[in-house]
């Protein structure tokens, strides 16, 4: 069985975030905040290292979920943790495909990249 390290919650800048919804009526204040640089967009995904057995040795690689993108950067850590909880099931499925034991522990601290 291949082995897995503790999964990390990663939050990264999303330079392609979709702000088009801010153009609709009723969102003028939020659009002004966006244009003022008060918030941007991020993506949240889980990442872990996997040791895959290969003959008498092993290969170490990183596995990460597709993540959720175009999240408003000021959504808060509670929301980011909620997204990570949803991503957990995707990670578990990916790791099963790699013949890894699940469930995987998740480090509840957030790594900002």
PDB file of N, CA and C in Angstrom:
ATOM      1  N   UNK A   1       0.858  -1.184   0.000  1.00  0.00           N
ATOM      2  CA  UNK A   1       0.000   0.000   0.000  1.00  0.00           C
ATOM      3  C   UNK A   1       0.898   1.240   0.000  1.00  0.00           C
ATOM      4  N   UNK A   2       0.568   2.196  -0.833  1.00  0.00           N
ATOM      5  CA  UNK A   2       1.300   3.463  -0.883  1.00  0.00           C
ATOM      6  C   UNK A   2       0.943   4.305   0.335  1.00  0.00           C
ATOM      7  N   UNK A   3       1.857   5.155   0.761  1.00  0.00           N
ATOM      8  CA  UNK A   3       1.634   5.946   1.972  1.00  0.00           C
ATOM      9  C   UNK A   3       1.442   7.419   1.642  1.00  0.00           C
ATOM     10  N   UNK A   4       0.704   8.086   2.512  1.00  0.00           N
ATOM     11  CA  UNK A   4       0.317   9.478   2.293  1.00  0.00           C
ATOM     12  C   UNK A   4       0.661  10.291   3.528  1.00  0.00           C
ATOM     13  N   UNK A   5       1.193  11.503   3.304  1.00  0.00           N
ATOM     14  CA  UNK A   5       1.415  12.433   4.402  1.00  0.00           C
ATOM     15  C   UNK A   5       0.118  13.169   4.713  1.00  0.00           C
ATOM     16  N   UNK A   6       0.122  13.930   5.788  1.00  0.00           N
ATOM     17  CA  UNK A   6      -1.024  14.757   6.147  1.00  0.00           C
ATOM     18  C   UNK A   6      -1.293  15.768   5.032  1.00  0.00           C
ATOM     19  N   UNK A   7      -2.548  15.931   4.675  1.00  0.00           N
ATOM     20  CA  UNK A   7      -2.923  16.870   3.616  1.00  0.00           C
ATOM     21  C   UNK A   7      -2.857  18.301   4.140  1.00  0.00           C
ATOM     22  N   UNK A   8      -2.464  19.207   3.256  1.00  0.00           N
ATOM     23  CA  UNK A   8      -2.362  20.620   3.569  1.00  0.00           C
ATOM     24  C   UNK A   8      -3.456  21.384   2.835  1.00  0.00           C
ATOM     25  N   UNK A   9      -4.070  22.342   3.518  1.00  0.00           N
ATOM     26  CA  UNK A   9      -5.032  23.239   2.891  1.00  0.00           C
ATOM     27  C   UNK A   9      -4.245  24.398   2.303  1.00  0.00           C
ATOM     28  N   UNK A  10      -4.400  24.619   1.005  1.00  0.00           N
ATOM     29  CA  UNK A  10      -3.636  25.658   0.326  1.00  0.00           C
ATOM     30  C   UNK A  10      -4.593  26.698  -0.247  1.00  0.00           C
ATOM     31  N   UNK A  11      -4.267  27.971  -0.016  1.00  0.00           N
ATOM     32  CA  UNK A  11      -5.011  29.086  -0.591  1.00  0.00           C
ATOM     33  C   UNK A  11      -4.034  29.879  -1.453  1.00  0.00           C
ATOM     34  N   UNK A  12      -4.376  30.036  -2.736  1.00  0.00           N
ATOM     35  CA  UNK A  12      -3.501  30.751  -3.675  1.00  0.00           C
ATOM     36  C   UNK A  12      -4.294  31.829  -4.407  1.00  0.00           C
ATOM     37  N   UNK A  13      -3.580  32.839  -4.869  1.00  0.00           N
ATOM     38  CA  UNK A  13      -4.200  33.911  -5.644  1.00  0.00           C
ATOM     39  C   UNK A  13      -4.751  33.347  -6.948  1.00  0.00           C
ATOM     40  N   UNK A  14      -5.948  33.770  -7.291  1.00  0.00           N
ATOM     41  CA  UNK A  14      -6.589  33.393  -8.555  1.00  0.00           C
ATOM     42  C   UNK A  14      -6.632  34.631  -9.442  1.00  0.00           C
ATOM     43  N   UNK A  15      -5.660  34.733 -10.323  1.00  0.00           N
ATOM     44  CA  UNK A  15      -5.576  35.900 -11.204  1.00  0.00           C
ATOM     45  C   UNK A  15      -6.647  35.905 -12.286  1.00  0.00           C
ATOM     46  N   UNK A  16      -7.362  34.798 -12.443  1.00  0.00           N
ATOM     47  CA  UNK A  16      -8.419  34.707 -13.451  1.00  0.00           C
ATOM     48  C   UNK A  16      -9.802  34.665 -12.814  1.00  0.00           C
ATOM     49  N   UNK A  17      -9.929  35.172 -11.588  1.00  0.00           N
ATOM     50  CA  UNK A  17     -11.222  35.156 -10.909  1.00  0.00           C
ATOM     51  C   UNK A  17     -12.290  35.874 -11.712  1.00  0.00           C
ATOM     52  N   UNK A  18     -13.491  35.335 -11.686  1.00  0.00           N
ATOM     53  CA  UNK A  18     -14.604  35.883 -12.463  1.00  0.00           C
ATOM     54  C   UNK A  18     -15.381  36.889 -11.625  1.00  0.00           C
ATOM     55  N   UNK A  19     -15.206  38.159 -11.928  1.00  0.00           N
ATOM     56  CA  UNK A  19     -15.890  39.228 -11.198  1.00  0.00           C
ATOM     57  C   UNK A  19     -17.124  39.730 -11.934  1.00  0.00           C
ATOM     58  N   UNK A  20     -17.543  39.042 -12.981  1.00  0.00           N
ATOM     59  CA  UNK A  20     -18.650  39.527 -13.810  1.00  0.00           C
ATOM     60  C   UNK A  20     -19.959  39.664 -13.036  1.00  0.00           C
ATOM     61  N   UNK A  21     -20.164  38.846 -12.012  1.00  0.00           N
ATOM     62  CA  UNK A  21     -21.404  38.936 -11.232  1.00  0.00           C
ATOM     63  C   UNK A  21     -21.518  40.279 -10.515  1.00  0.00           C
ATOM     64  N   UNK A  22     -20.392  40.957 -10.325  1.00  0.00           N
ATOM     65  CA  UNK A  22     -20.421  42.253  -9.642  1.00  0.00           C
ATOM     66  C   UNK A  22     -21.014  43.356 -10.507  1.00  0.00           C
ATOM     67  N   UNK A  23     -21.212  43.080 -11.784  1.00  0.00           N
ATOM     68  CA  UNK A  23     -21.761  44.070 -12.717  1.00  0.00           C
ATOM     69  C   UNK A  23     -23.289  44.160 -12.644  1.00  0.00           C
ATOM     70  N   UNK A  24     -23.927  43.253 -11.915  1.00  0.00           N
ATOM     71  CA  UNK A  24     -25.393  43.256 -11.867  1.00  0.00           C
ATOM     72  C   UNK A  24     -25.907  44.278 -10.857  1.00  0.00           C
ATOM     73  N   UNK A  25     -27.138  44.735 -11.054  1.00  0.00           N
ATOM     74  CA  UNK A  25     -27.723  45.724 -10.138  1.00  0.00           C
ATOM     75  C   UNK A  25     -27.711  45.221  -8.694  1.00  0.00           C
ATOM     76  N   UNK A  26     -27.431  46.117  -7.769  1.00  0.00           N
ATOM     77  CA  UNK A  26     -27.417  45.776  -6.356  1.00  0.00           C
ATOM     78  C   UNK A  26     -26.029  45.435  -5.831  1.00  0.00           C
ATOM     79  N   UNK A  27     -25.063  45.327  -6.716  1.00  0.00           N
ATOM     80  CA  UNK A  27     -23.707  44.948  -6.317  1.00  0.00           C
ATOM     81  C   UNK A  27     -22.726  46.124  -6.454  1.00  0.00           C
ATOM     82  N   UNK A  28     -23.226  47.326  -6.557  1.00  0.00           N
ATOM     83  CA  UNK A  28     -22.378  48.491  -6.799  1.00  0.00           C
ATOM     84  C   UNK A  28     -21.316  48.692  -5.705  1.00  0.00           C
ATOM     85  N   UNK A  29     -21.696  48.521  -4.448  1.00  0.00           N
ATOM     86  CA  UNK A  29     -20.747  48.709  -3.347  1.00  0.00           C
ATOM     87  C   UNK A  29     -19.632  47.669  -3.408  1.00  0.00           C
ATOM     88  N   UNK A  30     -20.009  46.435  -3.663  1.00  0.00           N
ATOM     89  CA  UNK A  30     -19.007  45.356  -3.728  1.00  0.00           C
ATOM     90  C   UNK A  30     -18.098  45.548  -4.939  1.00  0.00           C
ATOM     91  N   UNK A  31     -18.668  45.994  -6.051  1.00  0.00           N
ATOM     92  CA  UNK A  31     -17.864  46.274  -7.242  1.00  0.00           C
ATOM     93  C   UNK A  31     -16.851  47.383  -6.953  1.00  0.00           C
ATOM     94  N   UNK A  32     -17.279  48.398  -6.225  1.00  0.00           N
ATOM     95  CA  UNK A  32     -16.366  49.482  -5.862  1.00  0.00           C
ATOM     96  C   UNK A  32     -15.235  48.960  -4.970  1.00  0.00           C
ATOM     97  N   UNK A  33     -15.564  48.054  -4.048  1.00  0.00           N
ATOM     98  CA  UNK A  33     -14.525  47.461  -3.194  1.00  0.00           C
ATOM     99  C   UNK A  33     -13.519  46.671  -4.041  1.00  0.00           C
ATOM    100  N   UNK A  34     -14.036  45.927  -4.998  1.00  0.00           N
ATOM    101  CA  UNK A  34     -13.155  45.131  -5.877  1.00  0.00           C
ATOM    102  C   UNK A  34     -12.240  46.057  -6.689  1.00  0.00           C
ATOM    103  N   UNK A  35     -12.829  47.073  -7.267  1.00  0.00           N
ATOM    104  CA  UNK A  35     -12.042  48.013  -8.082  1.00  0.00           C
ATOM    105  C   UNK A  35     -11.030  48.780  -7.233  1.00  0.00           C
ATOM    106  N   UNK A  36     -11.355  48.961  -5.956  1.00  0.00           N
ATOM    107  CA  UNK A  36     -10.478  49.661  -5.031  1.00  0.00           C
ATOM    108  C   UNK A  36      -9.348  48.744  -4.512  1.00  0.00           C
ATOM    109  N   UNK A  37      -9.429  47.468  -4.841  1.00  0.00           N
ATOM    110  CA  UNK A  37      -8.410  46.514  -4.388  1.00  0.00           C
ATOM    111  C   UNK A  37      -8.621  46.006  -2.980  1.00  0.00           C
ATOM    112  N   UNK A  38      -9.831  46.175  -2.447  1.00  0.00           N
ATOM    113  CA  UNK A  38     -10.110  45.700  -1.098  1.00  0.00           C
ATOM    114  C   UNK A  38     -10.170  44.178  -1.011  1.00  0.00           C
ATOM    115  N   UNK A  39     -10.438  43.522  -2.122  1.00  0.00           N
ATOM    116  CA  UNK A  39     -10.415  42.063  -2.167  1.00  0.00           C
ATOM    117  C   UNK A  39     -10.083  41.635  -3.590  1.00  0.00           C
ATOM    118  N   UNK A  40      -9.663  40.412  -3.696  1.00  0.00           N
ATOM    119  CA  UNK A  40      -9.395  39.790  -4.991  1.00  0.00           C
ATOM    120  C   UNK A  40     -10.001  38.403  -4.972  1.00  0.00           C
ATOM    121  N   UNK A  41      -9.421  37.490  -5.726  1.00  0.00           N
ATOM    122  CA  UNK A  41      -9.945  36.133  -5.792  1.00  0.00           C
ATOM    123  C   UNK A  41      -8.844  35.131  -5.489  1.00  0.00           C
ATOM    124  N   UNK A  42      -9.254  34.011  -4.877  1.00  0.00           N
ATOM    125  CA  UNK A  42      -8.327  32.944  -4.523  1.00  0.00           C
ATOM    126  C   UNK A  42      -8.918  31.599  -4.929  1.00  0.00           C
ATOM    127  N   UNK A  43      -8.052  30.606  -4.913  1.00  0.00           N
ATOM    128  CA  UNK A  43      -8.467  29.223  -5.068  1.00  0.00           C
ATOM    129  C   UNK A  43      -8.065  28.467  -3.814  1.00  0.00           C
ATOM    130  N   UNK A  44      -8.823  27.440  -3.482  1.00  0.00           N
ATOM    131  CA  UNK A  44      -8.540  26.605  -2.316  1.00  0.00           C
ATOM    132  C   UNK A  44      -8.480  25.159  -2.774  1.00  0.00           C
ATOM    133  N   UNK A  45      -7.393  24.480  -2.414  1.00  0.00           N
ATOM    134  CA  UNK A  45      -7.273  23.060  -2.738  1.00  0.00           C
ATOM    135  C   UNK A  45      -6.526  22.343  -1.626  1.00  0.00           C
ATOM    136  N   UNK A  46      -6.577  21.018  -1.650  1.00  0.00           N
ATOM    137  CA  UNK A  46      -5.817  20.182  -0.726  1.00  0.00           C
ATOM    138  C   UNK A  46      -4.633  19.599  -1.477  1.00  0.00           C
ATOM    139  N   UNK A  47      -3.528  19.461  -0.763  1.00  0.00           N
ATOM    140  CA  UNK A  47      -2.320  18.896  -1.353  1.00  0.00           C
ATOM    141  C   UNK A  47      -1.677  17.953  -0.349  1.00  0.00           C
ATOM    142  N   UNK A  48      -1.136  16.850  -0.844  1.00  0.00           N
ATOM    143  CA  UNK A  48      -0.430  15.907   0.007  1.00  0.00           C
ATOM    144  C   UNK A  48       0.718  15.283  -0.768  1.00  0.00           C
ATOM    145  N   UNK A  49       1.635  14.713  -0.046  1.00  0.00           N
ATOM    146  CA  UNK A  49       2.715  13.952  -0.674  1.00  0.00           C
ATOM    147  C   UNK A  49       2.381  12.470  -0.556  1.00  0.00           C
ATOM    148  N   UNK A  50       2.674  11.753  -1.634  1.00  0.00           N
ATOM    149  CA  UNK A  50       2.398  10.318  -1.677  1.00  0.00           C
ATOM    150  C   UNK A  50       3.696   9.587  -1.990  1.00  0.00           C
ATOM    151  N   UNK A  51       3.962   8.555  -1.224  1.00  0.00           N
ATOM    152  CA  UNK A  51       5.101   7.670  -1.504  1.00  0.00           C
ATOM    153  C   UNK A  51       4.554   6.450  -2.217  1.00  0.00           C
ATOM    154  N   UNK A  52       4.877   6.339  -3.493  1.00  0.00           N
ATOM    155  CA  UNK A  52       4.383   5.242  -4.325  1.00  0.00           C
ATOM    156  C   UNK A  52       5.487   4.201  -4.448  1.00  0.00           C
ATOM    157  N   UNK A  53       5.171   2.978  -4.049  1.00  0.00           N
ATOM    158  CA  UNK A  53       6.156   1.903  -4.139  1.00  0.00           C
ATOM    159  C   UNK A  53       6.452   1.582  -5.597  1.00  0.00           C
ATOM    160  N   UNK A  54       7.735   1.456  -5.883  1.00  0.00           N
ATOM    161  CA  UNK A  54       8.191   1.172  -7.238  1.00  0.00           C
ATOM    162  C   UNK A  54       9.342   0.180  -7.118  1.00  0.00           C
ATOM    163  N   UNK A  55       9.052  -1.075  -7.369  1.00  0.00           N
ATOM    164  CA  UNK A  55      10.061  -2.118  -7.187  1.00  0.00           C
ATOM    165  C   UNK A  55      10.454  -2.196  -5.726  1.00  0.00           C
ATOM    166  N   UNK A  56      11.756  -2.118  -5.455  1.00  0.00           N
ATOM    167  CA  UNK A  56      12.236  -2.150  -4.079  1.00  0.00           C
ATOM    168  C   UNK A  56      12.360  -0.753  -3.487  1.00  0.00           C
ATOM    169  N   UNK A  57      12.019   0.245  -4.249  1.00  0.00           N
ATOM    170  CA  UNK A  57      12.166   1.638  -3.841  1.00  0.00           C
ATOM    171  C   UNK A  57      10.793   2.312  -3.870  1.00  0.00           C
ATOM    172  N   UNK A  58      10.780   3.613  -3.841  1.00  0.00           N
ATOM    173  CA  UNK A  58       9.523   4.355  -3.951  1.00  0.00           C
ATOM    174  C   UNK A  58       9.779   5.678  -4.646  1.00  0.00           C
ATOM    175  N   UNK A  59       8.703   6.255  -5.152  1.00  0.00           N
ATOM    176  CA  UNK A  59       8.717   7.572  -5.777  1.00  0.00           C
ATOM    177  C   UNK A  59       7.851   8.472  -4.902  1.00  0.00           C
ATOM    178  N   UNK A  60       8.308   9.683  -4.640  1.00  0.00           N
ATOM    179  CA  UNK A  60       7.500  10.647  -3.890  1.00  0.00           C
ATOM    180  C   UNK A  60       6.962  11.684  -4.868  1.00  0.00           C
ATOM    181  N   UNK A  61       5.662  11.917  -4.803  1.00  0.00           N
ATOM    182  CA  UNK A  61       5.030  12.909  -5.670  1.00  0.00           C
ATOM    183  C   UNK A  61       3.975  13.669  -4.883  1.00  0.00           C
ATOM    184  N   UNK A  62       3.620  14.823  -5.388  1.00  0.00           N
ATOM    185  CA  UNK A  62       2.540  15.610  -4.775  1.00  0.00           C
ATOM    186  C   UNK A  62       1.241  15.322  -5.528  1.00  0.00           C
ATOM    187  N   UNK A  63       0.180  15.242  -4.764  1.00  0.00           N
ATOM    188  CA  UNK A  63      -1.157  15.074  -5.325  1.00  0.00           C
ATOM    189  C   UNK A  63      -1.990  16.220  -4.781  1.00  0.00           C
ATOM    190  N   UNK A  64      -2.695  16.900  -5.678  1.00  0.00           N
ATOM    191  CA  UNK A  64      -3.566  17.982  -5.221  1.00  0.00           C
ATOM    192  C   UNK A  64      -4.919  17.874  -5.908  1.00  0.00           C
ATOM    193  N   UNK A  65      -5.921  18.332  -5.192  1.00  0.00           N
ATOM    194  CA  UNK A  65      -7.270  18.317  -5.742  1.00  0.00           C
ATOM    195  C   UNK A  65      -7.424  19.442  -6.767  1.00  0.00           C
ATOM    196  N   UNK A  66      -8.451  19.348  -7.616  1.00  0.00           N
ATOM    197  CA  UNK A  66      -8.687  20.436  -8.569  1.00  0.00           C
ATOM    198  C   UNK A  66      -8.999  21.758  -7.872  1.00  0.00           C
ATOM    199  N   UNK A  67      -9.601  21.708  -6.708  1.00  0.00           N
ATOM    200  CA  UNK A  67      -9.875  22.910  -5.937  1.00  0.00           C
ATOM    201  C   UNK A  67     -11.118  23.655  -6.374  1.00  0.00           C
ATOM    202  N   UNK A  68     -11.403  24.696  -5.625  1.00  0.00           N
ATOM    203  CA  UNK A  68     -12.497  25.615  -5.935  1.00  0.00           C
ATOM    204  C   UNK A  68     -11.873  26.982  -6.142  1.00  0.00           C
ATOM    205  N   UNK A  69     -12.251  27.652  -7.215  1.00  0.00           N
ATOM    206  CA  UNK A  69     -11.615  28.898  -7.618  1.00  0.00           C
ATOM    207  C   UNK A  69     -12.626  30.042  -7.674  1.00  0.00           C
ATOM    208  N   UNK A  70     -12.141  31.246  -7.850  1.00  0.00           N
ATOM    209  CA  UNK A  70     -12.955  32.469  -7.892  1.00  0.00           C
ATOM    210  C   UNK A  70     -13.674  32.708  -6.573  1.00  0.00           C
ATOM    211  N   UNK A  71     -12.991  32.397  -5.476  1.00  0.00           N
ATOM    212  CA  UNK A  71     -13.518  32.672  -4.142  1.00  0.00           C
ATOM    213  C   UNK A  71     -13.045  34.066  -3.744  1.00  0.00           C
ATOM    214  N   UNK A  72     -13.920  34.881  -3.226  1.00  0.00           N
ATOM    215  CA  UNK A  72     -13.526  36.213  -2.774  1.00  0.00           C
ATOM    216  C   UNK A  72     -12.516  36.076  -1.640  1.00  0.00           C
ATOM    217  N   UNK A  73     -11.389  36.771  -1.764  1.00  0.00           N
ATOM    218  CA  UNK A  73     -10.279  36.596  -0.829  1.00  0.00           C
ATOM    219  C   UNK A  73     -10.618  36.975   0.609  1.00  0.00           C
ATOM    220  N   UNK A  74     -11.636  37.785   0.802  1.00  0.00           N
ATOM    221  CA  UNK A  74     -12.025  38.176   2.159  1.00  0.00           C
ATOM    222  C   UNK A  74     -13.155  37.305   2.717  1.00  0.00           C
ATOM    223  N   UNK A  75     -13.329  36.128   2.142  1.00  0.00           N
ATOM    224  CA  UNK A  75     -14.391  35.222   2.593  1.00  0.00           C
ATOM    225  C   UNK A  75     -14.146  34.683   4.000  1.00  0.00           C
ATOM    226  N   UNK A  76     -12.902  34.648   4.428  1.00  0.00           N
ATOM    227  CA  UNK A  76     -12.575  34.232   5.789  1.00  0.00           C
ATOM    228  C   UNK A  76     -12.135  32.790   5.880  1.00  0.00           C
ATOM    229  N   UNK A  77     -11.350  32.521   6.920  1.00  0.00           N
ATOM    230  CA  UNK A  77     -10.783  31.188   7.096  1.00  0.00           C
ATOM    231  C   UNK A  77     -11.835  30.123   7.337  1.00  0.00           C
ATOM    232  N   UNK A  78     -12.937  30.463   8.005  1.00  0.00           N
ATOM    233  CA  UNK A  78     -13.986  29.459   8.220  1.00  0.00           C
ATOM    234  C   UNK A  78     -14.529  28.957   6.885  1.00  0.00           C
ATOM    235  N   UNK A  79     -14.706  29.863   5.939  1.00  0.00           N
ATOM    236  CA  UNK A  79     -15.195  29.450   4.622  1.00  0.00           C
ATOM    237  C   UNK A  79     -14.137  28.619   3.894  1.00  0.00           C
ATOM    238  N   UNK A  80     -12.873  29.039   3.970  1.00  0.00           N
ATOM    239  CA  UNK A  80     -11.803  28.275   3.331  1.00  0.00           C
ATOM    240  C   UNK A  80     -11.737  26.855   3.900  1.00  0.00           C
ATOM    241  N   UNK A  81     -11.924  26.722   5.204  1.00  0.00           N
ATOM    242  CA  UNK A  81     -11.927  25.397   5.838  1.00  0.00           C
ATOM    243  C   UNK A  81     -13.118  24.574   5.363  1.00  0.00           C
ATOM    244  N   UNK A  82     -14.248  25.217   5.164  1.00  0.00           N
ATOM    245  CA  UNK A  82     -15.430  24.524   4.655  1.00  0.00           C
ATOM    246  C   UNK A  82     -15.180  23.995   3.238  1.00  0.00           C
ATOM    247  N   UNK A  83     -14.539  24.805   2.408  1.00  0.00           N
ATOM    248  CA  UNK A  83     -14.191  24.363   1.050  1.00  0.00           C
ATOM    249  C   UNK A  83     -13.240  23.174   1.137  1.00  0.00           C
ATOM    250  N   UNK A  84     -12.269  23.244   2.048  1.00  0.00           N
ATOM    251  CA  UNK A  84     -11.315  22.138   2.213  1.00  0.00           C
ATOM    252  C   UNK A  84     -12.033  20.859   2.622  1.00  0.00           C
ATOM    253  N   UNK A  85     -13.034  20.977   3.470  1.00  0.00           N
ATOM    254  CA  UNK A  85     -13.814  19.793   3.859  1.00  0.00           C
ATOM    255  C   UNK A  85     -14.474  19.170   2.641  1.00  0.00           C
ATOM    256  N   UNK A  86     -14.996  19.991   1.750  1.00  0.00           N
ATOM    257  CA  UNK A  86     -15.611  19.479   0.524  1.00  0.00           C
ATOM    258  C   UNK A  86     -14.557  18.833  -0.381  1.00  0.00           C
ATOM    259  N   UNK A  87     -13.379  19.427  -0.449  1.00  0.00           N
ATOM    260  CA  UNK A  87     -12.292  18.901  -1.282  1.00  0.00           C
ATOM    261  C   UNK A  87     -11.770  17.565  -0.753  1.00  0.00           C
ATOM    262  N   UNK A  88     -11.978  17.308   0.520  1.00  0.00           N
ATOM    263  CA  UNK A  88     -11.479  16.079   1.131  1.00  0.00           C
ATOM    264  C   UNK A  88     -11.974  14.847   0.382  1.00  0.00           C
ATOM    265  N   UNK A  89     -13.237  14.846   0.004  1.00  0.00           N
ATOM    266  CA  UNK A  89     -13.811  13.656  -0.644  1.00  0.00           C
ATOM    267  C   UNK A  89     -13.189  13.435  -2.019  1.00  0.00           C
ATOM    268  N   UNK A  90     -12.865  14.511  -2.703  1.00  0.00           N
ATOM    269  CA  UNK A  90     -12.171  14.382  -3.990  1.00  0.00           C
ATOM    270  C   UNK A  90     -10.780  13.809  -3.775  1.00  0.00           C
ATOM    271  N   UNK A  91     -10.073  14.314  -2.764  1.00  0.00           N
ATOM    272  CA  UNK A  91      -8.736  13.808  -2.467  1.00  0.00           C
ATOM    273  C   UNK A  91      -8.785  12.329  -2.099  1.00  0.00           C
ATOM    274  N   UNK A  92      -9.736  11.942  -1.296  1.00  0.00           N
ATOM    275  CA  UNK A  92      -9.858  10.538  -0.889  1.00  0.00           C
ATOM    276  C   UNK A  92     -10.063   9.640  -2.104  1.00  0.00           C
ATOM    277  N   UNK A  93     -10.895  10.072  -3.035  1.00  0.00           N
ATOM    278  CA  UNK A  93     -11.135   9.289  -4.249  1.00  0.00           C
ATOM    279  C   UNK A  93      -9.859   9.202  -5.095  1.00  0.00           C
ATOM    280  N   UNK A  94      -9.152  10.308  -5.226  1.00  0.00           N
ATOM    281  CA  UNK A  94      -7.908  10.313  -5.993  1.00  0.00           C
ATOM    282  C   UNK A  94      -6.884   9.358  -5.371  1.00  0.00           C
ATOM    283  N   UNK A  95      -6.799   9.373  -4.051  1.00  0.00           N
ATOM    284  CA  UNK A  95      -5.819   8.522  -3.369  1.00  0.00           C
ATOM    285  C   UNK A  95      -6.190   7.046  -3.458  1.00  0.00           C
ATOM    286  N   UNK A  96      -7.479   6.746  -3.437  1.00  0.00           N
ATOM    287  CA  UNK A  96      -7.894   5.347  -3.626  1.00  0.00           C
ATOM    288  C   UNK A  96      -7.444   4.831  -4.988  1.00  0.00           C
ATOM    289  N   UNK A  97      -7.528   5.702  -6.010  1.00  0.00           N
ATOM    290  CA  UNK A  97      -7.079   5.325  -7.351  1.00  0.00           C
ATOM    291  C   UNK A  97      -5.574   5.042  -7.381  1.00  0.00           C
ATOM    292  N   UNK A  98      -4.837   5.670  -6.470  1.00  0.00           N
ATOM    293  CA  UNK A  98      -3.392   5.458  -6.383  1.00  0.00           C
ATOM    294  C   UNK A  98      -3.032   4.356  -5.381  1.00  0.00           C
ATOM    295  N   UNK A  99      -4.051   3.610  -4.951  1.00  0.00           N
ATOM    296  CA  UNK A  99      -3.863   2.500  -4.017  1.00  0.00           C
ATOM    297  C   UNK A  99      -3.294   2.972  -2.678  1.00  0.00           C
ATOM    298  N   UNK A 100      -3.828   4.069  -2.193  1.00  0.00           N
ATOM    299  CA  UNK A 100      -3.417   4.623  -0.905  1.00  0.00           C
ATOM    300  C   UNK A 100      -4.531   4.423   0.111  1.00  0.00           C
ATOM    301  N   UNK A 101      -4.127   4.253   1.346  1.00  0.00           N
ATOM    302  CA  UNK A 101      -5.104   4.121   2.419  1.00  0.00           C
ATOM    303  C   UNK A 101      -5.790   5.466   2.663  1.00  0.00           C
ATOM    304  N   UNK A 102      -7.070   5.436   2.873  1.00  0.00           N
ATOM    305  CA  UNK A 102      -7.821   6.624   3.277  1.00  0.00           C
ATOM    306  C   UNK A 102      -8.622   6.238   4.509  1.00  0.00           C
ATOM    307  N   UNK A 103      -9.036   7.096   5.389  1.00  0.00           N
ATOM    308  CA  UNK A 103      -9.002   8.546   5.259  1.00  0.00           C
ATOM    309  C   UNK A 103      -7.607   9.111   5.523  1.00  0.00           C
ATOM    310  N   UNK A 104      -7.438  10.333   5.094  1.00  0.00           N
ATOM    311  CA  UNK A 104      -6.200  11.069   5.249  1.00  0.00           C
ATOM    312  C   UNK A 104      -6.435  12.162   6.283  1.00  0.00           C
ATOM    313  N   UNK A 105      -5.448  12.385   7.116  1.00  0.00           N
ATOM    314  CA  UNK A 105      -5.550  13.501   8.065  1.00  0.00           C
ATOM    315  C   UNK A 105      -5.354  14.812   7.314  1.00  0.00           C
ATOM    316  N   UNK A 106      -6.050  15.846   7.766  1.00  0.00           N
ATOM    317  CA  UNK A 106      -5.898  17.174   7.180  1.00  0.00           C
ATOM    318  C   UNK A 106      -5.357  18.113   8.253  1.00  0.00           C
ATOM    319  N   UNK A 107      -4.267  18.783   7.923  1.00  0.00           N
ATOM    320  CA  UNK A 107      -3.731  19.829   8.794  1.00  0.00           C
ATOM    321  C   UNK A 107      -4.694  21.007   8.685  1.00  0.00           C
ATOM    322  N   UNK A 108      -5.334  21.387   9.787  1.00  0.00           N
ATOM    323  CA  UNK A 108      -6.375  22.418   9.748  1.00  0.00           C
ATOM    324  C   UNK A 108      -5.812  23.835   9.667  1.00  0.00           C
ATOM    325  N   UNK A 109      -4.492  23.983   9.663  1.00  0.00           N
ATOM    326  CA  UNK A 109      -3.929  25.313   9.418  1.00  0.00           C
ATOM    327  C   UNK A 109      -3.911  25.543   7.920  1.00  0.00           C
ATOM    328  N   UNK A 110      -3.981  26.784   7.519  1.00  0.00           N
ATOM    329  CA  UNK A 110      -4.067  27.128   6.095  1.00  0.00           C
ATOM    330  C   UNK A 110      -2.714  27.665   5.645  1.00  0.00           C
ATOM    331  N   UNK A 111      -2.249  27.141   4.519  1.00  0.00           N
ATOM    332  CA  UNK A 111      -1.007  27.631   3.938  1.00  0.00           C
ATOM    333  C   UNK A 111      -1.365  28.581   2.802  1.00  0.00           C
ATOM    334  N   UNK A 112      -0.914  29.815   2.930  1.00  0.00           N
ATOM    335  CA  UNK A 112      -1.163  30.824   1.881  1.00  0.00           C
ATOM    336  C   UNK A 112       0.063  30.875   0.984  1.00  0.00           C
ATOM    337  N   UNK A 113      -0.175  30.732  -0.298  1.00  0.00           N
ATOM    338  CA  UNK A 113       0.937  30.765  -1.259  1.00  0.00           C
ATOM    339  C   UNK A 113       0.740  31.908  -2.230  1.00  0.00           C
TER     340      UNK A 113
END
